[in-house]
């Protein structure tokens, strides 16, 4: 055991004794993690601010909670990225209070993430199959509140009872529950069983909802897919796309990306259970990367992709980002904004904003023959 302040790191072979040179791969994965963080933090922060200003229907509230959870994910992934690049040294993880706090947060984040995505997917599928059904927003939000309360108690109670203690793992690159001398056997198996259940069980309804929604859309409105992926241009002129169907495609894409990024995590759990709740140190790749490349990178990657996906699909979010960006530089660069008169697909209410360039040498510009004052 190696003591770093008050934080104990679990035993791990040194790089010099490792027959495989994994340092370059560590640096590469660390850079990838930094990219995810660089995209995820500002992206989810802007996304959170955007949904905060929207009408608080159920879908908006779910996106608000997801963006906040993703923001927390990408922010707290930074210490692991630093350890990736710097020979897996503990750094911030070597501080006891930080390691314990980080461990608590990352014990909660994955469960919250999968739960919110499952609620988003299931509610949208119900509405798609039976449009006449009115989902009780208070009931759904109440269930979310109950789950939040349970998941926090699930971690805090055993922590205060001395059943868990987080330690830094060089192999995993994060602080995990290393247990305590007084830890009860029942709690160890309870923690594993509930952890696997809460991570794996929601994948089934998410996958089924995604599949059912896709089949329903294919049967009801092929134009949505044509508009989404850029094919079947002749069908685009037939009739306007329903905003609800367009929103459903967006949710399908969000849940699909979640499934893709979480398949490696699910596979890692399966291997961990098949190996008898341990990692074989003779399998060097599994020992060094089974959890560091899945639990950290895949989780951070999914959190970084979500704002990019919504920027692509959500016209109003794009307008929000554009106007926010140009409003700070418009006087110097000469940009003006006005409500767009063109038809744009958006599943949020409110006029779309079209940003156009104006002449910096005058105080007026012409938008389709309409004079709009522009301060330069």
Protein backbone atom coordinates (compact mmCIF):
# COMPACT_ATOMS: atom_id res chain seq x y z
CA UNK A 1 0.00 0.00 0.00
CA UNK A 2 1.14 3.53 -0.78
CA UNK A 3 -0.03 6.40 1.40
CA UNK A 4 -0.63 9.75 -0.29
CA UNK A 5 -1.72 12.20 2.38
CA UNK A 6 -4.63 10.37 3.95
CA UNK A 7 -5.64 8.59 0.75
CA UNK A 8 -4.56 5.00 0.21
CA UNK A 9 -3.90 3.85 -3.31
CA UNK A 10 -4.45 0.19 -4.09
CA UNK A 11 -1.41 -1.88 -5.13
CA UNK A 12 -0.55 -1.80 -8.81
CA UNK A 13 2.59 -2.80 -10.77
CA UNK A 14 4.85 0.09 -11.80
CA UNK A 15 5.32 1.01 -15.45
CA UNK A 16 8.93 -0.16 -15.34
CA UNK A 17 7.75 -3.65 -14.41
CA UNK A 18 5.07 -3.71 -17.05
CA UNK A 19 6.13 -5.58 -20.22
CA UNK A 20 3.81 -3.41 -22.31
CA UNK A 21 4.54 0.23 -22.92
CA UNK A 22 1.20 1.77 -22.09
CA UNK A 23 2.36 5.33 -21.46
CA UNK A 24 1.74 6.57 -25.03
CA UNK A 25 -1.71 5.00 -25.05
CA UNK A 26 -2.40 6.67 -21.70
CA UNK A 27 -1.43 10.06 -23.13
CA UNK A 28 -3.64 9.52 -26.18
CA UNK A 29 -6.63 8.53 -24.05
CA UNK A 30 -5.92 11.47 -21.74
CA UNK A 31 -6.02 13.86 -24.70
CA UNK A 32 -9.30 12.29 -25.85
CA UNK A 33 -10.69 12.81 -22.36
CA UNK A 34 -9.55 16.46 -22.41
CA UNK A 35 -11.36 16.94 -25.73
CA UNK A 36 -14.54 15.50 -24.24
CA UNK A 37 -14.19 17.83 -21.25
CA UNK A 38 -13.47 20.87 -23.44
CA UNK A 39 -16.62 20.22 -25.45
CA UNK A 40 -18.82 18.95 -22.63
CA UNK A 41 -18.36 21.70 -20.05
CA UNK A 42 -19.23 24.74 -22.21
CA UNK A 43 -21.72 22.76 -24.30
CA UNK A 44 -23.73 21.49 -21.37
CA UNK A 45 -23.48 24.81 -19.54
CA UNK A 46 -25.01 26.64 -22.52
CA UNK A 47 -27.55 23.85 -22.98
CA UNK A 48 -28.57 24.08 -19.32
CA UNK A 49 -29.00 27.87 -19.57
CA UNK A 50 -31.04 27.44 -22.74
CA UNK A 51 -33.52 24.97 -21.23
CA UNK A 52 -33.69 27.05 -18.08
CA UNK A 53 -35.33 29.80 -20.14
CA UNK A 54 -37.84 27.51 -21.86
CA UNK A 55 -41.40 26.67 -20.90
CA UNK A 56 -41.13 23.95 -18.27
CA UNK A 57 -42.94 21.06 -19.91
CA UNK A 58 -41.87 17.50 -19.06
CA UNK A 59 -39.47 17.12 -21.98
CA UNK A 60 -37.75 20.42 -21.20
CA UNK A 61 -37.34 19.52 -17.52
CA UNK A 62 -35.83 16.15 -18.45
CA UNK A 63 -33.36 17.79 -20.82
CA UNK A 64 -32.56 20.33 -18.10
CA UNK A 65 -31.74 17.56 -15.62
CA UNK A 66 -29.75 15.61 -18.22
CA UNK A 67 -27.67 18.64 -19.20
CA UNK A 68 -26.89 19.38 -15.54
CA UNK A 69 -25.88 15.76 -14.93
CA UNK A 70 -23.68 15.82 -18.07
CA UNK A 71 -22.11 19.10 -16.96
CA UNK A 72 -21.25 17.51 -13.61
CA UNK A 73 -19.87 14.45 -15.41
CA UNK A 74 -17.50 16.31 -17.73
CA UNK A 75 -16.35 18.66 -14.97
CA UNK A 76 -15.45 15.88 -12.54
CA UNK A 77 -13.71 13.85 -15.27
CA UNK A 78 -10.84 16.38 -15.32
CA UNK A 79 -8.77 14.76 -12.49
CA UNK A 80 -8.85 11.42 -14.34
CA UNK A 81 -7.66 13.12 -17.55
CA UNK A 82 -4.71 14.64 -15.66
CA UNK A 83 -3.82 11.25 -14.18
CA UNK A 84 -4.06 9.66 -17.62
CA UNK A 85 -1.49 12.05 -19.04
CA UNK A 86 0.87 12.17 -16.04
CA UNK A 87 1.80 8.51 -15.50
CA UNK A 88 -1.42 7.80 -13.57
CA UNK A 89 -0.30 9.85 -10.57
CA UNK A 90 -3.03 10.60 -8.05
CA UNK A 91 -2.73 14.43 -7.91
CA UNK A 92 -6.15 15.66 -6.68
CA UNK A 93 -7.18 12.10 -5.90
CA UNK A 94 -4.39 12.06 -3.30
CA UNK A 95 -6.38 14.49 -1.15
CA UNK A 96 -8.64 12.54 1.19
CA UNK A 97 -11.58 14.92 1.18
CA UNK A 98 -11.48 15.27 -2.60
CA UNK A 99 -11.24 11.51 -3.15
CA UNK A 100 -14.20 10.84 -0.84
CA UNK A 101 -16.29 13.59 -2.44
CA UNK A 102 -15.40 12.52 -5.97
CA UNK A 103 -16.25 8.92 -5.15
CA UNK A 104 -19.66 9.95 -3.82
CA UNK A 105 -20.45 12.01 -6.91
CA UNK A 106 -19.39 9.33 -9.37
CA UNK A 107 -21.30 6.69 -7.45
CA UNK A 108 -24.44 8.73 -8.11
CA UNK A 109 -23.86 10.16 -11.63
CA UNK A 110 -24.14 6.95 -13.70
CA UNK A 111 -27.37 5.90 -11.99
CA UNK A 112 -28.96 9.34 -12.49
CA UNK A 113 -27.89 9.39 -16.13
CA UNK A 114 -29.38 6.05 -17.12
CA UNK A 115 -32.54 6.74 -15.14
CA UNK A 116 -33.20 10.11 -16.83
CA UNK A 117 -32.57 8.73 -20.31
CA UNK A 118 -34.93 5.84 -19.63
CA UNK A 119 -37.68 8.21 -18.44
CA UNK A 120 -37.17 10.44 -21.50
CA UNK A 121 -37.28 7.49 -23.88
CA UNK A 122 -40.25 5.72 -22.30
CA UNK A 123 -42.45 8.83 -22.01
CA UNK A 124 -41.80 9.79 -25.64
CA UNK A 125 -42.59 6.26 -26.83
CA UNK A 126 -45.90 6.25 -24.93
CA UNK A 127 -46.92 9.54 -26.54
CA UNK A 128 -45.85 8.32 -29.98
CA UNK A 129 -47.83 5.06 -29.76
CA UNK A 130 -50.91 6.69 -28.24
CA UNK A 131 -50.99 10.46 -28.92
CA UNK A 132 -54.20 10.82 -26.89
CA UNK A 133 -52.46 9.81 -23.67
CA UNK A 134 -51.69 12.73 -21.36
CA UNK A 135 -48.69 11.96 -19.19
CA UNK A 136 -49.03 13.32 -15.67
CA UNK A 137 -46.05 15.61 -15.29
CA UNK A 138 -46.34 15.83 -11.51
CA UNK A 139 -46.36 12.04 -11.19
CA UNK A 140 -43.26 11.63 -13.35
CA UNK A 141 -41.39 14.41 -11.57
CA UNK A 142 -42.44 12.94 -8.24
CA UNK A 143 -40.98 9.56 -9.22
CA UNK A 144 -37.76 11.28 -10.30
CA UNK A 145 -37.59 13.05 -6.94
CA UNK A 146 -38.11 9.79 -5.06
CA UNK A 147 -35.34 8.13 -7.09
CA UNK A 148 -32.95 11.02 -6.44
CA UNK A 149 -33.67 10.75 -2.72
CA UNK A 150 -33.10 6.98 -2.74
CA UNK A 151 -29.85 7.12 -4.73
CA UNK A 152 -28.36 9.73 -2.41
CA UNK A 153 -29.34 7.77 0.71
CA UNK A 154 -27.94 4.60 -0.87
CA UNK A 155 -24.49 6.20 -0.75
CA UNK A 156 -24.64 8.49 2.28
CA UNK A 157 -26.04 5.98 4.79
CA UNK A 158 -23.32 3.31 4.35
CA UNK A 159 -20.66 6.04 4.18
CA UNK A 160 -21.74 7.47 7.54
CA UNK A 161 -22.05 3.94 8.94
CA UNK A 162 -18.43 3.23 8.01
CA UNK A 163 -19.26 0.57 5.43
CA UNK A 164 -17.47 2.24 2.50
CA UNK A 165 -14.25 4.16 1.99
CA UNK A 166 -13.06 5.50 -1.35
CA UNK A 167 -9.45 4.95 -2.44
CA UNK A 168 -7.61 5.92 -5.60
CA UNK A 169 -6.83 3.18 -8.10
CA UNK A 170 -3.97 3.66 -10.56
CA UNK A 171 -5.43 0.91 -12.69
CA UNK A 172 -8.89 2.47 -12.86
CA UNK A 173 -7.86 6.16 -12.64
CA UNK A 174 -10.58 7.11 -10.18
CA UNK A 175 -11.55 6.74 -6.54
CA UNK A 176 -13.56 3.60 -5.99
CA UNK A 177 -15.11 1.96 -2.96
CA UNK A 178 -12.29 -0.08 -1.48
CA UNK A 179 -14.35 -1.01 1.54
CA UNK A 180 -13.34 -0.90 5.19
CA UNK A 181 -12.17 -3.46 7.71
CA UNK A 182 -15.60 -3.40 9.32
CA UNK A 183 -17.48 -3.73 6.03
CA UNK A 184 -20.21 -6.36 6.23
CA UNK A 185 -20.40 -9.09 3.62
CA UNK A 186 -24.09 -8.43 3.11
CA UNK A 187 -23.41 -4.83 2.15
CA UNK A 188 -20.74 -5.81 -0.39
CA UNK A 189 -23.12 -8.10 -2.25
CA UNK A 190 -26.02 -5.67 -1.82
CA UNK A 191 -23.91 -2.88 -3.35
CA UNK A 192 -22.89 -5.03 -6.33
CA UNK A 193 -26.42 -6.36 -6.93
CA UNK A 194 -28.15 -2.96 -6.75
CA UNK A 195 -25.41 -1.31 -8.77
CA UNK A 196 -25.67 -3.80 -11.62
CA UNK A 197 -29.45 -3.76 -11.47
CA UNK A 198 -29.72 0.04 -11.63
CA UNK A 199 -27.22 0.31 -14.48
CA UNK A 200 -28.30 -2.66 -16.58
CA UNK A 201 -32.06 -2.87 -16.05
CA UNK A 202 -32.93 0.52 -17.62
CA UNK A 203 -31.00 -0.41 -20.77
CA UNK A 204 -33.77 -2.89 -21.65
CA UNK A 205 -36.67 -0.37 -21.70
CA UNK A 206 -34.39 2.19 -23.36
CA UNK A 207 -33.55 -0.24 -26.15
CA UNK A 208 -37.17 -1.38 -26.55
CA UNK A 209 -38.45 2.22 -26.57
CA UNK A 210 -35.86 3.22 -29.13
CA UNK A 211 -36.75 0.26 -31.35
CA UNK A 212 -40.51 0.77 -31.07
CA UNK A 213 -40.20 4.50 -31.75
CA UNK A 214 -38.06 3.91 -34.81
CA UNK A 215 -40.47 1.33 -36.28
CA UNK A 216 -43.45 3.59 -35.58
CA UNK A 217 -41.77 6.52 -37.29
CA UNK A 218 -40.81 4.43 -40.31
CA UNK A 219 -44.43 3.42 -40.73
CA UNK A 220 -46.02 6.80 -40.04
CA UNK A 221 -43.72 9.43 -41.49
CA UNK A 222 -40.75 8.53 -43.68
CA UNK A 223 -40.22 12.23 -44.43
CA UNK A 224 -38.85 12.80 -40.93
CA UNK A 225 -35.96 10.42 -41.57
CA UNK A 226 -35.38 11.93 -45.00
CA UNK A 227 -35.15 15.38 -43.47
CA UNK A 228 -32.93 14.11 -40.68
CA UNK A 229 -30.32 12.31 -42.73
CA UNK A 230 -30.59 14.21 -46.02
CA UNK A 231 -32.14 11.69 -48.37
CA UNK A 232 -35.52 11.37 -50.08
CA UNK A 233 -35.51 15.03 -51.11
CA UNK A 234 -38.55 14.65 -53.32
CA UNK A 235 -40.67 13.75 -50.30
CA UNK A 236 -39.69 16.93 -48.47
CA UNK A 237 -42.08 18.99 -50.57
CA UNK A 238 -45.15 16.93 -49.86
CA UNK A 239 -46.12 18.14 -46.40
CA UNK A 240 -44.60 19.80 -43.34
CA UNK A 241 -43.02 17.67 -40.67
CA UNK A 242 -44.85 17.36 -37.38
CA UNK A 243 -42.78 19.02 -34.63
CA UNK A 244 -43.66 16.13 -32.30
CA UNK A 245 -42.31 13.58 -34.77
CA UNK A 246 -39.19 15.66 -35.31
CA UNK A 247 -38.72 15.84 -31.53
CA UNK A 248 -39.19 12.08 -31.32
CA UNK A 249 -36.38 11.51 -33.83
CA UNK A 250 -34.16 13.73 -31.69
CA UNK A 251 -34.95 11.69 -28.59
CA UNK A 252 -34.29 8.47 -30.51
CA UNK A 253 -30.86 9.80 -31.49
CA UNK A 254 -30.11 10.81 -27.88
CA UNK A 255 -31.05 7.37 -26.55
CA UNK A 256 -29.17 5.62 -29.37
CA UNK A 257 -25.99 7.52 -28.53
CA UNK A 258 -26.49 6.58 -24.89
CA UNK A 259 -26.75 2.89 -25.82
CA UNK A 260 -23.64 3.06 -28.02
CA UNK A 261 -21.51 4.73 -25.35
CA UNK A 262 -22.72 2.42 -22.59
CA UNK A 263 -22.25 -0.91 -24.38
CA UNK A 264 -18.54 -0.99 -23.31
CA UNK A 265 -19.53 -0.23 -19.70
CA UNK A 266 -22.11 -3.01 -19.76
CA UNK A 267 -19.52 -5.39 -21.26
CA UNK A 268 -17.01 -4.43 -18.55
CA UNK A 269 -19.56 -5.24 -15.84
CA UNK A 270 -20.29 -8.60 -17.49
CA UNK A 271 -16.58 -9.47 -17.56
CA UNK A 272 -16.17 -8.31 -13.97
CA UNK A 273 -19.04 -10.55 -12.81
CA UNK A 274 -17.85 -13.49 -14.93
CA UNK A 275 -14.36 -13.24 -13.37
CA UNK A 276 -15.80 -13.52 -9.88
CA UNK A 277 -15.97 -9.81 -8.97
CA UNK A 278 -12.29 -9.25 -9.63
CA UNK A 279 -9.94 -8.19 -12.43
CA UNK A 280 -7.25 -10.62 -13.56
CA UNK A 281 -3.90 -8.83 -13.18
CA UNK A 282 -2.32 -11.21 -15.68
CA UNK A 283 -4.54 -9.72 -18.37
CA UNK A 284 -2.63 -6.47 -18.66
CA UNK A 285 -5.01 -4.69 -21.01
CA UNK A 286 -8.04 -5.55 -18.89
CA UNK A 287 -6.20 -4.62 -15.71
CA UNK A 288 -5.18 -1.16 -16.94
CA UNK A 289 -8.07 -0.25 -19.24
CA UNK A 290 -11.19 -2.26 -18.38
CA UNK A 291 -12.60 0.51 -16.20
CA UNK A 292 -10.49 3.55 -17.08
CA UNK A 293 -11.41 3.40 -20.78
CA UNK A 294 -15.07 2.57 -20.18
CA UNK A 295 -16.25 4.08 -16.93
CA UNK A 296 -14.38 7.36 -17.45
CA UNK A 297 -14.01 7.85 -21.22
CA UNK A 298 -17.36 6.46 -22.35
CA UNK A 299 -19.29 8.33 -19.68
CA UNK A 300 -17.51 11.61 -20.45
CA UNK A 301 -17.86 11.02 -24.19
CA UNK A 302 -21.61 10.53 -23.94
CA UNK A 303 -21.91 13.71 -21.86
CA UNK A 304 -19.93 15.66 -24.49
CA UNK A 305 -21.90 14.37 -27.47
CA UNK A 306 -25.35 15.31 -26.14
CA UNK A 307 -25.00 19.11 -26.56
CA UNK A 308 -23.55 18.62 -30.05
CA UNK A 309 -26.47 16.41 -30.99
CA UNK A 310 -29.02 18.89 -29.69
CA UNK A 311 -27.20 21.75 -31.41
CA UNK A 312 -27.65 19.87 -34.68
CA UNK A 313 -31.28 18.95 -34.08
CA UNK A 314 -32.67 21.86 -32.08
CA UNK A 315 -33.15 24.98 -34.20
CA UNK A 316 -33.97 27.16 -31.21
CA UNK A 317 -30.88 26.02 -29.34
CA UNK A 318 -28.74 26.90 -32.36
CA UNK A 319 -30.33 30.33 -32.44
CA UNK A 320 -29.73 30.71 -28.71
CA UNK A 321 -26.02 29.89 -29.10
CA UNK A 322 -25.62 32.13 -32.16
CA UNK A 323 -27.37 35.14 -30.67
CA UNK A 324 -25.56 34.74 -27.34
CA UNK A 325 -22.22 34.57 -29.13
CA UNK A 326 -22.81 37.45 -31.52
CA UNK A 327 -24.52 39.68 -28.99
CA UNK A 328 -21.17 40.12 -27.28
CA UNK A 329 -19.29 40.91 -30.49
CA UNK A 330 -22.01 42.22 -32.80
CA UNK A 331 -21.17 45.90 -32.28
CA UNK A 332 -17.56 45.36 -33.26
CA UNK A 333 -18.17 42.85 -36.04
CA UNK A 334 -21.39 44.34 -37.37
CA UNK A 335 -24.04 41.66 -36.91
CA UNK A 336 -27.76 42.27 -36.56
CA UNK A 337 -30.58 39.93 -35.64
CA UNK A 338 -34.25 39.82 -36.47
CA UNK A 339 -37.06 37.25 -36.27
CA UNK A 340 -36.76 34.82 -39.15
CA UNK A 341 -39.60 34.76 -41.65
CA UNK A 342 -38.51 31.44 -43.11
CA UNK A 343 -39.97 28.15 -42.00
CA UNK A 344 -37.74 26.20 -39.69
CA UNK A 345 -38.39 23.00 -37.84
CA UNK A 346 -38.33 23.45 -34.10
CA UNK A 347 -40.10 21.57 -31.35
CA UNK A 348 -39.91 24.51 -28.99
CA UNK A 349 -42.27 27.43 -29.15
CA UNK A 350 -41.18 30.91 -30.10
CA UNK A 351 -39.86 32.60 -33.23
CA UNK A 352 -36.60 31.43 -34.70
CA UNK A 353 -33.84 34.03 -34.83
CA UNK A 354 -31.89 34.52 -38.02
CA UNK A 355 -28.50 36.19 -37.72
CA UNK A 356 -27.31 38.10 -40.75
CA UNK A 357 -24.33 40.29 -41.49
CA UNK A 358 -24.83 44.02 -41.82
CA UNK A 359 -22.65 46.79 -43.14
CA UNK A 360 -20.40 48.08 -40.37
CA UNK A 361 -20.15 51.40 -42.13
CA UNK A 362 -23.82 52.21 -41.84
CA UNK A 363 -26.45 52.16 -39.17
CA UNK A 364 -29.01 50.26 -41.22
CA UNK A 365 -29.20 47.04 -43.14
CA UNK A 366 -31.74 45.46 -45.44
CA UNK A 367 -33.48 42.19 -44.56
CA UNK A 368 -35.74 41.25 -47.46
CA UNK A 369 -36.45 44.94 -48.19
CA UNK A 370 -37.33 45.65 -44.54
CA UNK A 371 -35.13 48.28 -42.91
CA UNK A 372 -33.80 47.20 -39.54
CA UNK A 373 -31.86 49.53 -37.32
CA UNK A 374 -28.39 48.30 -36.47
CA UNK A 375 -26.13 49.94 -33.95
CA UNK A 376 -22.49 49.84 -34.98
